[in-house]
Amino acid sequence: MSFIEKLKRSWKKGNSLLCVGLDPDLSRFPKPIDKNIESIFSFNREIIDATHDLVCAYKPQIAYFSAVSAEKQLEKTIDYIRSNYPHIPVILDAKRGDIGSTAEMYTKEAFSRYNVDAVTVNPYMGYDSAEPFLQHKDRGIILLCRTSNNGAGDLQDLIVDGVPIYEHVARLISEKWNFNRNCLLVVGATWPSKMSRIRSIVGDMPFLVPGVGAQGGNVKEMVTAGQTANGTGLIISSSRAILYASNGIDFAEAARSETIKLKNTVNQFRNTA
């Protein structure tokens, strides 16, 4: 099954567009969890078990693992999802971008070492930095387009031939790079007008949408701007607001409550829910 097929089934099974980002920050772990590397998997497992029926995907951010030499914890987390909830896609948030043999190694890292369903990629070095990923027909390649951070406009909004660069990126990926129908775009929730413009360019291509929750994206505006005609097309990612909803022994229950709240809010504004 390709990533896109798996994603569509996950959207339907859970009636959810919500993705939980797994960003384990030891300094923010709730009091019942020991603040050491060995606890990262235990923390992730509690969050996953508490939210698995409410989400369409999980998205571990590789930096939170590699920064503390917790790659083994990342492997265990991914294996746990694949073994216990195999219908839920796993997205590795790595934002890789390089050329030649280095790009090939990054591809092996994502799809061979970690065996994830999809990976985030930075397209701003051009086609040869993305091509090794794009060749994997069954995996999702999620390319940065218009990101959610405040500084995104420094480059992504620059006008080239009368059009912002992010629109050139959207059109390039949609028309030339998506030959295996496995491309998605990262489009931040904090810019709904830009999201609407990108949707008009790329049709039904799915968006990974950061910026909900801690970054302040407006859910109604974002869903209205980005959803497709059938009320899908979005992987709406929330991390900190869910993971650290409580600092106490009830942290997993609090994560579930926050996930339910966000899922229900999103579904209010879907074309079909």
Protein backbone atom coordinates (compact mmCIF):
# COMPACT_ATOMS: atom_id res chain seq x y z
CA MET A 1 0.00 0.00 0.00
CA SER A 2 1.36 3.43 -0.91
CA PHE A 3 1.61 6.21 1.65
CA ILE A 4 -1.18 8.17 -0.02
CA GLU A 5 -3.49 5.14 0.08
CA LYS A 6 -2.62 4.50 3.72
CA LEU A 7 -3.24 8.15 4.57
CA LYS A 8 -6.66 8.14 2.89
CA ARG A 9 -7.67 5.04 4.84
CA SER A 10 -6.42 6.59 8.07
CA TRP A 11 -8.38 9.80 7.46
CA LYS A 12 -11.51 7.71 7.04
CA LYS A 13 -10.94 5.19 9.83
CA GLY A 14 -10.48 7.77 12.55
CA ASN A 15 -12.60 10.51 10.97
CA SER A 16 -9.61 12.69 11.74
CA LEU A 17 -7.19 15.05 10.03
CA LEU A 18 -5.07 15.34 13.16
CA CYS A 19 -1.43 14.31 13.47
CA VAL A 20 0.39 14.18 16.78
CA GLY A 21 3.95 15.38 16.56
CA LEU A 22 6.31 13.41 18.78
CA ASP A 23 8.82 15.99 20.03
CA PRO A 24 10.11 14.49 23.29
CA ASP A 25 11.81 17.29 25.24
CA LEU A 26 13.33 15.86 28.42
CA SER A 27 13.16 19.24 30.15
CA ARG A 28 9.38 19.29 29.71
CA PHE A 29 8.58 15.72 30.69
CA PRO A 30 5.83 15.45 33.30
CA LYS A 31 6.91 14.79 36.88
CA PRO A 32 6.10 11.03 36.90
CA ILE A 33 8.52 10.43 34.00
CA ASP A 34 12.25 10.29 34.67
CA LYS A 35 14.13 12.90 32.68
CA ASN A 36 16.56 10.53 30.98
CA ILE A 37 17.02 9.08 27.52
CA GLU A 38 15.62 5.68 28.47
CA SER A 39 12.30 7.33 29.36
CA ILE A 40 11.72 8.78 25.89
CA PHE A 41 10.17 5.62 24.50
CA SER A 42 7.98 5.15 27.58
CA PHE A 43 6.70 8.72 27.27
CA ASN A 44 5.99 8.31 23.55
CA ARG A 45 4.25 4.99 24.11
CA GLU A 46 1.91 6.53 26.69
CA ILE A 47 1.01 9.36 24.29
CA ILE A 48 0.48 6.97 21.38
CA ASP A 49 -1.71 4.58 23.36
CA ALA A 50 -3.80 7.51 24.60
CA THR A 51 -4.38 9.05 21.15
CA HIS A 52 -4.17 6.30 18.52
CA ASP A 53 -7.90 6.22 17.76
CA LEU A 54 -8.04 10.00 17.29
CA VAL A 55 -5.30 10.65 14.73
CA CYS A 56 -4.49 10.13 11.07
CA ALA A 57 -0.68 10.09 11.55
CA TYR A 58 2.24 10.41 13.94
CA LYS A 59 5.21 12.65 13.21
CA PRO A 60 8.41 12.12 15.22
CA GLN A 61 10.82 15.06 14.87
CA ILE A 62 14.27 13.57 14.46
CA ALA A 63 16.16 16.43 16.15
CA TYR A 64 14.54 15.74 19.51
CA PHE A 65 16.01 12.24 19.40
CA SER A 66 19.39 12.76 17.76
CA ALA A 67 20.25 15.78 19.93
CA VAL A 68 20.37 13.53 22.98
CA SER A 69 21.70 10.40 21.22
CA ALA A 70 18.28 8.74 21.43
CA GLU A 71 18.12 7.23 17.96
CA LYS A 72 17.36 3.84 19.50
CA GLN A 73 14.35 5.41 21.21
CA LEU A 74 13.20 6.74 17.85
CA GLU A 75 13.52 3.28 16.31
CA LYS A 76 11.54 1.75 19.18
CA THR A 77 8.84 4.41 18.87
CA ILE A 78 8.39 3.82 15.14
CA ASP A 79 8.44 0.04 15.59
CA TYR A 80 5.81 0.34 18.32
CA ILE A 81 3.43 2.23 16.06
CA ARG A 82 3.99 -0.13 13.16
CA SER A 83 3.46 -3.21 15.36
CA ASN A 84 0.46 -2.04 17.38
CA TYR A 85 -1.26 0.46 15.09
CA PRO A 86 -0.09 -0.51 11.60
CA HIS A 87 -2.86 1.44 9.87
CA ILE A 88 -1.47 4.77 11.13
CA PRO A 89 1.20 6.36 8.90
CA VAL A 90 4.47 7.50 10.43
CA ILE A 91 6.08 10.69 9.11
CA LEU A 92 9.73 11.37 9.90
CA ASP A 93 10.15 15.12 10.28
CA ALA A 94 13.76 15.51 9.17
CA LYS A 95 13.64 18.24 6.49
CA ARG A 96 16.55 16.70 4.63
CA GLY A 97 18.01 18.50 1.63
CA ASP A 98 21.29 17.71 -0.13
CA ILE A 99 22.53 16.29 -3.41
CA GLY A 100 24.23 13.24 -4.83
CA SER A 101 25.41 10.47 -2.55
CA THR A 102 24.43 12.47 0.55
CA ALA A 103 20.82 12.63 -0.61
CA GLU A 104 20.93 8.90 -1.21
CA MET A 105 22.12 8.35 2.37
CA TYR A 106 19.34 10.53 3.74
CA THR A 107 16.88 8.42 1.75
CA LYS A 108 18.28 5.24 3.28
CA GLU A 109 18.11 6.82 6.73
CA ALA A 110 14.39 7.49 6.37
CA PHE A 111 13.17 4.47 4.44
CA SER A 112 15.65 1.72 5.33
CA ARG A 113 16.93 2.51 8.81
CA TYR A 114 13.71 3.96 10.27
CA ASN A 115 11.26 2.43 7.79
CA VAL A 116 8.84 5.36 7.94
CA ASP A 117 5.95 5.92 5.57
CA ALA A 118 6.93 9.48 4.67
CA VAL A 119 9.65 12.06 5.27
CA THR A 120 9.89 15.84 5.11
CA VAL A 121 12.32 17.24 2.54
CA ASN A 122 13.66 20.72 1.81
CA PRO A 123 13.33 21.34 -1.96
CA TYR A 124 15.29 24.59 -2.13
CA MET A 125 18.44 22.95 -3.54
CA GLY A 126 16.41 21.85 -6.54
CA TYR A 127 15.32 18.62 -8.18
CA ASP A 128 18.52 16.63 -7.67
CA SER A 129 18.16 17.00 -3.90
CA ALA A 130 14.65 15.52 -4.00
CA GLU A 131 14.98 12.96 -6.79
CA PRO A 132 16.34 10.06 -4.65
CA PHE A 133 13.29 10.41 -2.37
CA LEU A 134 10.80 10.81 -5.22
CA GLN A 135 11.82 7.48 -6.73
CA HIS A 136 10.29 5.63 -3.77
CA LYS A 137 6.80 5.25 -5.22
CA ASP A 138 5.26 3.75 -2.09
CA ARG A 139 6.55 6.44 0.31
CA GLY A 140 5.38 10.00 0.89
CA ILE A 141 7.69 12.90 0.08
CA ILE A 142 6.58 15.99 2.00
CA LEU A 143 8.27 19.09 0.61
CA LEU A 144 8.51 22.49 2.27
CA CYS A 145 6.44 25.08 0.45
CA ARG A 146 5.16 27.91 2.70
CA THR A 147 6.19 27.25 6.27
CA SER A 148 4.56 28.49 9.49
CA ASN A 149 7.45 30.38 11.09
CA ASN A 150 7.63 34.17 11.26
CA GLY A 151 10.80 34.33 9.18
CA ALA A 152 9.36 32.29 6.31
CA GLY A 153 8.67 35.41 4.29
CA ASP A 154 12.35 36.39 4.21
CA LEU A 155 12.80 34.04 1.25
CA GLN A 156 9.55 32.23 0.50
CA ASP A 157 7.59 35.42 -0.25
CA LEU A 158 10.18 37.01 -2.52
CA ILE A 159 8.66 37.93 -5.87
CA VAL A 160 10.17 36.24 -8.93
CA ASP A 161 8.61 36.96 -12.33
CA GLY A 162 5.69 38.55 -10.54
CA VAL A 163 4.95 35.53 -8.33
CA PRO A 164 6.09 34.62 -4.79
CA ILE A 165 8.72 31.89 -4.65
CA TYR A 166 6.43 29.57 -2.65
CA GLU A 167 3.97 29.59 -5.56
CA HIS A 168 6.77 28.64 -7.96
CA VAL A 169 7.66 25.78 -5.60
CA ALA A 170 4.05 24.59 -5.42
CA ARG A 171 3.65 24.63 -9.19
CA LEU A 172 7.02 22.97 -9.83
CA ILE A 173 6.30 20.10 -7.47
CA SER A 174 2.74 19.65 -8.69
CA GLU A 175 3.53 19.74 -12.41
CA LYS A 176 7.01 18.23 -12.66
CA TRP A 177 8.07 16.36 -9.52
CA ASN A 178 4.89 14.48 -8.66
CA PHE A 179 5.26 11.86 -11.40
CA ASN A 180 4.73 9.05 -8.88
CA ARG A 181 1.80 10.81 -7.17
CA ASN A 182 3.62 10.63 -3.84
CA CYS A 183 4.30 14.32 -3.15
CA LEU A 184 2.79 16.42 -0.38
CA LEU A 185 3.51 20.00 0.70
CA VAL A 186 4.27 21.60 4.05
CA VAL A 187 1.95 24.60 4.31
CA GLY A 188 1.76 26.46 7.62
CA ALA A 189 -1.55 26.99 9.41
CA THR A 190 -0.52 30.56 10.22
CA TRP A 191 -1.02 31.77 6.65
CA PRO A 192 -4.54 30.70 5.51
CA SER A 193 -4.68 33.10 2.55
CA LYS A 194 -1.44 31.65 1.21
CA MET A 195 -2.73 28.13 1.88
CA SER A 196 -5.83 28.87 -0.17
CA ARG A 197 -3.68 30.09 -3.05
CA ILE A 198 -1.50 26.98 -2.92
CA ARG A 199 -4.60 24.74 -2.88
CA SER A 200 -5.79 26.42 -6.08
CA ILE A 201 -2.44 25.60 -7.72
CA VAL A 202 -1.94 21.96 -6.68
CA GLY A 203 -5.47 20.55 -6.59
CA ASP A 204 -5.96 17.65 -4.19
CA MET A 205 -2.31 17.24 -3.18
CA PRO A 206 -2.25 16.70 0.61
CA PHE A 207 -0.74 19.30 2.94
CA LEU A 208 1.16 18.69 6.15
CA VAL A 209 0.06 21.64 8.29
CA PRO A 210 2.20 22.75 11.26
CA GLY A 211 1.43 25.85 13.27
CA VAL A 212 -1.76 24.78 15.08
CA GLY A 213 -1.74 25.06 18.86
CA ALA A 214 1.45 26.55 20.27
CA GLN A 215 2.10 28.59 17.10
CA GLY A 216 -1.39 30.06 17.12
CA GLY A 217 -2.88 29.06 13.76
CA ASN A 218 -6.62 29.72 13.43
CA VAL A 219 -8.33 26.35 12.94
CA LYS A 220 -11.43 27.57 11.12
CA GLU A 221 -9.50 29.72 8.65
CA MET A 222 -6.93 27.00 8.08
CA VAL A 223 -9.42 24.17 7.47
CA THR A 224 -11.57 26.34 5.21
CA ALA A 225 -8.54 27.40 3.17
CA GLY A 226 -6.84 24.04 2.87
CA GLN A 227 -9.36 21.22 2.79
CA THR A 228 -10.30 19.46 -0.41
CA ALA A 229 -13.86 19.06 -1.69
CA ASN A 230 -14.41 15.87 0.34
CA GLY A 231 -13.19 17.42 3.59
CA THR A 232 -9.73 15.85 3.66
CA GLY A 233 -6.40 16.87 2.13
CA LEU A 234 -4.84 18.00 5.42
CA ILE A 235 -2.52 16.44 8.01
CA ILE A 236 -2.87 18.94 10.83
CA SER A 237 0.05 18.57 13.20
CA SER A 238 0.08 19.53 16.86
CA SER A 239 2.94 18.66 19.18
CA ARG A 240 3.60 20.68 22.33
CA ALA A 241 -0.04 21.53 23.08
CA ILE A 242 -0.83 17.80 23.22
CA LEU A 243 2.38 16.30 24.61
CA TYR A 244 2.65 18.70 27.53
CA ALA A 245 -1.02 19.32 28.28
CA SER A 246 -0.30 18.26 31.86
CA ASN A 247 2.79 18.07 34.02
CA GLY A 248 1.26 15.49 36.34
CA ILE A 249 0.49 11.81 36.54
CA ASP A 250 -2.50 12.40 34.25
CA PHE A 251 -0.34 13.56 31.33
CA ALA A 252 -1.58 10.81 28.97
CA GLU A 253 -5.22 11.47 29.81
CA ALA A 254 -4.64 15.21 29.35
CA ALA A 255 -3.00 14.54 25.98
CA ARG A 256 -6.05 12.52 24.95
CA SER A 257 -8.42 15.28 26.07
CA GLU A 258 -6.47 17.91 24.14
CA THR A 259 -6.44 15.69 21.06
CA ILE A 260 -10.20 15.13 21.25
CA LYS A 261 -10.74 18.86 21.63
CA LEU A 262 -8.62 19.74 18.60
CA LYS A 263 -10.04 16.92 16.48
CA ASN A 264 -13.60 18.04 17.21
CA THR A 265 -12.75 21.66 16.49
CA VAL A 266 -11.24 20.72 13.13
CA ASN A 267 -14.21 18.52 12.23
CA GLN A 268 -16.64 21.40 12.82
CA PHE A 269 -15.28 23.14 9.76
CA ARG A 270 -14.79 20.21 7.39
CA ASN A 271 -16.92 19.84 4.28
CA THR A 272 -17.74 16.34 5.50
CA ALA A 273 -16.99 15.12 8.99
